[in-house]
Amino acid sequence: MAVLRFLCFCQLLCVLVNNAQSQSSMAKKILVILTSADKMGDTEEPIGWYLPELAHPYKALVDAGFIIESVSPKGGKAPVDPGSVKDYKDDPICQWFQKDAKAQALVDNTKTPSQIDPRLKLFSISNFFISFNTKKGVKKGQKQNES
């Protein structure tokens, strides 16, 4: 599942980068939709958006000239999954993302859906960065199947 997601992402990224390079000086914007959830269901287990699933495309797209905006259901700070921060602590792009002021402003100051033009005419593409939390439905202490 993770390999398929990664391959789909790579294909999308290639299309976006090629599109960015071929467009005129018109602003190229992407809307990233993040979660506002910080706890899983009825548990106190912390969750959020998955660090490398945002950090890697963000860096590539910004480097390609895109302007990135963000939205989340509640607006404001979108919580990052602390497990992803721990798991990717040695990843250079994730480290960069966590230190970059513009990247942090993106996740700390998300807009609410009502603040986004419903026609999305201002965006080159509206992209959903989807994190699949494989822990969903797993009770504390219960082993989860790897996928």
Protein backbone atom coordinates (compact mmCIF):
# COMPACT_ATOMS: atom_id res chain seq x y z
CA MET A 1 0.00 0.00 0.00
CA ALA A 2 2.77 2.44 0.94
CA VAL A 3 4.69 1.68 -2.25
CA LEU A 4 1.60 2.31 -4.38
CA ARG A 5 0.94 5.62 -2.59
CA PHE A 6 4.55 6.64 -3.14
CA LEU A 7 4.45 5.79 -6.85
CA CYS A 8 1.20 7.74 -7.31
CA PHE A 9 2.73 10.69 -5.50
CA CYS A 10 5.86 10.56 -7.68
CA GLN A 11 3.76 10.57 -10.83
CA LEU A 12 1.71 13.54 -9.60
CA LEU A 13 4.85 15.40 -8.59
CA CYS A 14 6.39 14.92 -12.04
CA VAL A 15 3.25 16.31 -13.67
CA LEU A 16 3.18 19.30 -11.32
CA VAL A 17 6.85 20.13 -11.73
CA ASN A 18 6.63 19.87 -15.53
CA ASN A 19 3.50 22.02 -15.46
CA ALA A 20 5.21 24.61 -13.26
CA GLN A 21 8.19 24.82 -15.58
CA SER A 22 6.01 25.24 -18.67
CA GLN A 23 3.60 27.86 -17.27
CA SER A 24 4.11 31.58 -17.66
CA SER A 25 4.92 33.87 -14.77
CA MET A 26 1.35 33.43 -13.50
CA ALA A 27 1.30 32.40 -9.83
CA LYS A 28 1.04 28.64 -9.45
CA LYS A 29 -0.75 27.78 -6.23
CA ILE A 30 -1.51 24.48 -4.58
CA LEU A 31 -3.97 23.99 -1.77
CA VAL A 32 -2.88 21.39 0.78
CA ILE A 33 -5.63 19.97 2.97
CA LEU A 34 -4.49 18.87 6.43
CA THR A 35 -6.21 17.29 9.41
CA SER A 36 -7.27 19.05 12.58
CA ALA A 37 -7.47 15.76 14.51
CA ASP A 38 -4.91 15.46 17.27
CA LYS A 39 -6.22 12.35 19.05
CA MET A 40 -7.36 9.02 17.65
CA GLY A 41 -11.05 8.38 18.27
CA ASP A 42 -11.86 7.81 21.93
CA THR A 43 -8.24 7.23 22.88
CA GLU A 44 -5.70 9.73 24.03
CA GLU A 45 -3.22 8.51 21.41
CA PRO A 46 -1.81 11.55 19.58
CA ILE A 47 -2.18 11.67 15.78
CA GLY A 48 -1.98 14.25 13.02
CA TRP A 49 -0.64 14.70 9.50
CA TYR A 50 2.35 12.54 8.62
CA LEU A 51 5.59 14.53 8.42
CA PRO A 52 7.28 13.07 5.30
CA GLU A 53 4.01 13.02 3.36
CA LEU A 54 3.95 16.81 3.56
CA ALA A 55 7.63 17.73 3.92
CA HIS A 56 8.88 15.96 0.80
CA PRO A 57 6.26 17.23 -1.67
CA TYR A 58 6.32 20.68 -0.08
CA LYS A 59 10.07 21.03 -0.67
CA ALA A 60 9.87 19.77 -4.25
CA LEU A 61 6.91 21.97 -5.13
CA VAL A 62 8.31 25.12 -3.53
CA ASP A 63 11.61 24.51 -5.30
CA ALA A 64 9.61 24.19 -8.57
CA GLY A 65 8.04 27.61 -8.03
CA PHE A 66 4.66 26.75 -6.55
CA ILE A 67 3.00 28.78 -3.81
CA ILE A 68 1.53 26.46 -1.19
CA GLU A 69 -1.49 27.32 0.94
CA SER A 70 -3.13 25.15 3.57
CA VAL A 71 -6.57 24.47 4.96
CA SER A 72 -7.85 22.28 7.78
CA PRO A 73 -11.34 21.70 9.17
CA LYS A 74 -10.78 23.90 12.25
CA GLY A 75 -8.15 26.23 10.83
CA GLY A 76 -5.14 27.32 12.86
CA LYS A 77 -2.40 24.90 13.83
CA ALA A 78 -2.65 21.48 12.16
CA PRO A 79 -1.14 18.84 14.46
CA VAL A 80 1.71 16.67 13.20
CA ASP A 81 1.76 12.97 14.08
CA PRO A 82 4.45 12.76 16.78
CA GLY A 83 5.30 9.22 15.69
CA SER A 84 6.25 10.49 12.24
CA VAL A 85 8.49 13.15 13.76
CA LYS A 86 10.27 10.45 15.75
CA ASP A 87 10.45 7.96 12.85
CA TYR A 88 11.88 10.56 10.43
CA LYS A 89 14.14 12.49 12.82
CA ASP A 90 17.17 11.70 10.63
CA ASP A 91 15.50 12.53 7.30
CA PRO A 92 17.19 15.70 5.95
CA ILE A 93 14.07 17.04 4.22
CA CYS A 94 11.92 16.48 7.31
CA GLN A 95 14.58 18.22 9.44
CA TRP A 96 14.61 21.13 6.98
CA PHE A 97 10.80 21.34 6.97
CA GLN A 98 10.67 21.54 10.77
CA LYS A 99 13.19 24.41 10.81
CA ASP A 100 11.89 26.38 7.81
CA ALA A 101 9.84 29.40 8.90
CA LYS A 102 7.57 29.37 5.82
CA ALA A 103 6.90 25.64 6.12
CA GLN A 104 6.02 26.02 9.79
CA ALA A 105 3.75 28.97 9.03
CA LEU A 106 1.95 26.72 6.54
CA VAL A 107 1.02 24.18 9.23
CA ASP A 108 0.64 26.64 12.10
CA ASN A 109 -1.76 29.00 10.29
CA THR A 110 -4.11 26.88 8.16
CA LYS A 111 -7.26 28.51 6.84
CA THR A 112 -10.73 27.17 7.49
CA PRO A 113 -12.70 25.83 4.54
CA SER A 114 -14.93 28.92 4.61
CA GLN A 115 -11.86 31.09 4.00
CA ILE A 116 -11.08 29.30 0.71
CA ASP A 117 -12.66 30.38 -2.58
CA PRO A 118 -15.12 27.51 -3.24
CA ARG A 119 -14.45 27.77 -6.96
CA LEU A 120 -10.70 27.24 -6.33
CA LYS A 121 -9.99 29.41 -9.35
CA LEU A 122 -6.90 30.76 -7.67
CA PHE A 123 -5.21 27.36 -7.50
CA SER A 124 -3.38 25.44 -10.23
CA ILE A 125 -4.37 22.26 -8.47
CA SER A 126 -6.07 21.32 -5.25
CA ASN A 127 -4.17 18.40 -3.85
CA PHE A 128 -5.14 16.13 -1.01
CA PHE A 129 -2.17 14.83 0.95
CA ILE A 130 -3.76 11.83 2.57
CA SER A 131 -2.20 10.12 5.55
CA PHE A 132 -3.40 6.59 6.07
CA ASN A 133 -3.18 5.95 9.78
CA THR A 134 -2.79 2.18 9.95
CA LYS A 135 -3.31 2.25 13.71
CA LYS A 136 -7.02 3.01 13.31
CA GLY A 137 -9.10 0.55 15.25
CA VAL A 138 -6.12 -0.99 17.03
CA LYS A 139 -6.54 -1.05 20.78
CA LYS A 140 -3.66 -0.18 23.06
CA GLY A 141 -1.43 -3.20 23.56
CA GLN A 142 -2.89 -5.01 20.52
CA LYS A 143 -0.51 -5.80 17.67
CA GLN A 144 -1.35 -4.31 14.30
CA ASN A 145 -0.95 -6.03 10.95
CA GLU A 146 1.67 -4.51 8.71
CA SER A 147 0.45 -3.34 5.30
